[in-house]
Amino acid sequence: MHGAKIDRSYLEWRFMFKRFQILGAALLLIPGAAMAQAPATTSTAMSPGPATNASPGMAVAGVWRTPDDKSLVRVYRNPDGTFDGRIVWLKKPIYPQDYKDKSLAGRPKVDIHNPDKKLRSRPVLGMDVLTGFKYSPADHDWRKGKCYDPEEGKTYTCRMWLKDHDTLMVRGYVWIFHKTQEWHRAQEPTPAATAPTAASVH
């Protein structure tokens, strides 16, 4: 009988020990599971937004003010990856009343100096004056484009780069010579200022 009591106590002790082992393991697993899920929650909260993933080439996109505040040019990306620039505001969009060509006096400015006579009636407001620029990741510039000057009707091979976030350098080349302009980032013009371009922008 005494031996049976010892065996029963031993079995009860083994049973309790096993329960403590199982309970201890469960307690250890619960924090581990919580820690395993934590990175997923943190990762979702810290995932980069669209601005972080934006292409470096898009840094040139936006509205730029040309020298002497003559115009605002919006640089935009085409579906093929090239960049163009369109005049969206002019300081003087209308020919003065005393303009030498009386037929144009008081009317919106047109591309009268274009060497192609067929284009001389197109409005200057809404015209693309920068075309075909390709972004070079190695040099972080935009090159192999064309710049058109409607005041002279001349087209130049051009290259652009950012001096800083708000300063765009535009360099036009003629043979071995070049001229560089400094453009400054500007606010989008108000709808009232761009309303006349609605019918002229293609």
Foldseek 3Di string as FASTA:
>chain_A
DVVVVVVVVVVVVVVVVVVVVVVVVVVVVVVVVVVVCVVVVVCVVPPDDPVVVDDLLCLPAAWKQFPPSQFIWGWDADPVGFIWIATQFGPDQAADCVDPPNVRHGHGAALCQAPPNVRRRAGNNQDTQKDGWHADPVVRWTAQIWGADSVHNDIFGWIWHAPDSFWIWIWGDDPPDIDITIIGGDDDDDCVRRVVCPVRHD
